[in-house]
Amino acid sequence: MKRYMVLFALLLFAALSWGETPPAGDDPIAQALFAPELIMKYHSEIALDDSQSKSIKELVQKAQTKFVDMQWEMQGEAEKLVKLLNARPVDESAVLAQMDRVLNLERDIKKAQVSLMVRIKNTLTAAQQDKLIELRRK
């Protein structure tokens, strides 16, 4: 039961943030950056050299370690939020304070994701970026 409550809380947060985010095709921030998966998919087409490939792999590996830690922390904080929400009566100020902790972690995760993609983009040449934009449109 506890797992379902945590899942519900995480889905609630996801739904709230989805409501604010435009579709990927209309998201100017997403269009200005390149996900690691996109680069891996088209590494041959953009002529990614060994040095760039190594650099991007290192960036992704560092980020993955950080993301796992952040996700664990966020799950713990979400569980605390669920516990507070299940109380009778619900302590609104405690819930809002805990919600701030969860949202701050979510912000930190998103900031780390953008930082990773900026670093990846800076690893690519202008010609490689142009080619990725063209390939992404197809």
Protein backbone atom coordinates (compact mmCIF):
# COMPACT_ATOMS: atom_id res chain seq x y z
CA MET A 1 0.00 0.00 0.00
CA LYS A 2 2.85 2.35 0.88
CA ARG A 3 4.36 1.87 -2.59
CA TYR A 4 1.08 2.82 -4.22
CA MET A 5 0.86 6.00 -2.18
CA VAL A 6 4.41 7.00 -3.18
CA LEU A 7 3.62 6.18 -6.80
CA PHE A 8 0.46 8.25 -6.56
CA ALA A 9 2.38 11.22 -5.14
CA LEU A 10 5.03 11.00 -7.85
CA LEU A 11 2.38 10.73 -10.55
CA LEU A 12 0.62 13.73 -9.07
CA PHE A 13 3.82 15.79 -9.27
CA ALA A 14 4.45 14.58 -12.81
CA ALA A 15 0.91 15.46 -13.85
CA LEU A 16 1.26 18.93 -12.37
CA SER A 17 4.50 19.55 -14.21
CA TRP A 18 3.19 18.02 -17.46
CA GLY A 19 0.33 20.49 -17.39
CA GLU A 20 2.83 23.35 -17.47
CA THR A 21 5.14 21.95 -20.14
CA PRO A 22 4.34 22.41 -23.82
CA PRO A 23 4.73 19.39 -26.11
CA ALA A 24 8.38 18.66 -26.99
CA GLY A 25 7.94 19.93 -30.54
CA ASP A 26 6.76 23.28 -29.22
CA ASP A 27 9.29 23.54 -26.39
CA PRO A 28 11.93 26.10 -27.41
CA ILE A 29 14.31 24.96 -24.67
CA ALA A 30 14.16 21.33 -25.79
CA GLN A 31 14.67 22.45 -29.39
CA ALA A 32 17.82 24.36 -28.43
CA LEU A 33 19.45 21.33 -26.78
CA PHE A 34 20.28 17.77 -27.76
CA ALA A 35 19.46 14.75 -25.64
CA PRO A 36 22.27 12.20 -25.30
CA GLU A 37 20.02 9.59 -26.94
CA LEU A 38 19.71 11.73 -30.06
CA ILE A 39 23.47 12.09 -30.34
CA MET A 40 24.00 8.35 -29.84
CA LYS A 41 21.40 7.59 -32.48
CA TYR A 42 23.05 9.81 -35.08
CA HIS A 43 26.69 9.68 -34.02
CA SER A 44 27.79 8.42 -37.46
CA GLU A 45 25.69 10.92 -39.39
CA ILE A 46 27.16 13.87 -37.47
CA ALA A 47 30.71 12.45 -37.65
CA LEU A 48 31.23 12.41 -33.91
CA ASP A 49 34.94 11.88 -33.32
CA ASP A 50 36.48 9.66 -30.63
CA SER A 51 37.37 12.58 -28.39
CA GLN A 52 33.83 13.98 -28.51
CA SER A 53 32.36 10.53 -27.94
CA LYS A 54 34.57 9.94 -24.91
CA SER A 55 33.76 13.36 -23.49
CA ILE A 56 30.00 12.89 -23.89
CA LYS A 57 30.14 9.40 -22.33
CA GLU A 58 31.99 10.81 -19.32
CA LEU A 59 29.48 13.63 -18.94
CA VAL A 60 26.55 11.20 -19.08
CA GLN A 61 28.16 8.76 -16.63
CA LYS A 62 28.81 11.53 -14.08
CA ALA A 63 25.28 12.84 -14.51
CA GLN A 64 23.71 9.38 -14.12
CA THR A 65 25.40 8.92 -10.75
CA LYS A 66 24.13 12.30 -9.64
CA PHE A 67 20.60 11.59 -10.95
CA VAL A 68 20.37 8.29 -9.08
CA ASP A 69 21.31 10.00 -5.82
CA MET A 70 18.82 12.79 -6.45
CA GLN A 71 16.03 10.34 -7.36
CA TRP A 72 16.60 8.35 -4.18
CA GLU A 73 16.45 11.53 -2.15
CA MET A 74 13.31 12.69 -3.96
CA GLN A 75 11.60 9.36 -3.35
CA GLY A 76 12.34 9.63 0.36
CA GLU A 77 10.96 13.15 0.51
CA ALA A 78 7.87 12.11 -1.48
CA GLU A 79 7.25 9.30 1.01
CA LYS A 80 7.39 11.82 3.85
CA LEU A 81 4.88 13.98 1.98
CA VAL A 82 2.51 11.06 1.55
CA LYS A 83 2.77 10.29 5.24
CA LEU A 84 1.87 13.88 6.07
CA LEU A 85 -1.04 13.82 3.63
CA ASN A 86 -2.39 10.63 5.20
CA ALA A 87 -2.55 12.18 8.67
CA ARG A 88 -5.89 13.09 10.22
CA PRO A 89 -6.11 15.98 10.47
CA VAL A 90 -3.59 17.08 7.86
CA ASP A 91 -1.06 19.65 9.06
CA GLU A 92 -1.19 22.08 6.16
CA SER A 93 1.96 23.99 7.07
CA ALA A 94 3.96 20.75 7.41
CA VAL A 95 2.60 19.51 4.06
CA LEU A 96 3.50 22.77 2.33
CA ALA A 97 7.00 22.77 3.84
CA GLN A 98 7.52 19.18 2.70
CA MET A 99 6.12 20.03 -0.71
CA ASP A 100 8.75 22.77 -0.96
CA ARG A 101 11.47 20.18 -0.27
CA VAL A 102 10.11 17.89 -2.98
CA LEU A 103 9.79 20.72 -5.50
CA ASN A 104 13.30 21.95 -4.71
CA LEU A 105 14.65 18.48 -5.46
CA GLU A 106 12.64 18.37 -8.69
CA ARG A 107 14.10 21.76 -9.65
CA ASP A 108 17.62 20.52 -8.89
CA ILE A 109 17.07 17.45 -11.06
CA LYS A 110 15.81 19.55 -13.97
CA LYS A 111 18.71 21.97 -13.54
CA ALA A 112 21.19 19.07 -13.62
CA GLN A 113 19.52 17.73 -16.78
CA VAL A 114 19.81 21.09 -18.54
CA SER A 115 23.41 21.45 -17.38
CA LEU A 116 24.24 18.06 -18.87
CA MET A 117 22.65 18.92 -22.20
CA VAL A 118 24.41 22.30 -22.35
CA ARG A 119 27.76 20.62 -21.75
CA ILE A 120 26.96 18.05 -24.43
CA LYS A 121 25.94 20.78 -26.87
CA ASN A 122 29.20 22.63 -26.21
CA THR A 123 31.07 19.44 -27.15
CA LEU A 124 29.57 19.52 -30.64
CA THR A 125 30.66 21.71 -33.54
CA ALA A 126 28.23 24.14 -35.15
CA ALA A 127 28.02 21.85 -38.20
CA GLN A 128 27.19 18.85 -36.00
CA GLN A 129 24.49 20.83 -34.22
CA ASP A 130 22.98 21.92 -37.54
CA LYS A 131 22.97 18.32 -38.75
CA LEU A 132 21.27 17.14 -35.53
CA ILE A 133 18.59 19.79 -35.94
CA GLU A 134 17.98 18.57 -39.48
CA LEU A 135 17.90 14.91 -38.41
CA ARG A 136 15.58 15.65 -35.48
CA ARG A 137 13.05 17.27 -37.85
CA LYS A 138 12.75 14.09 -39.91
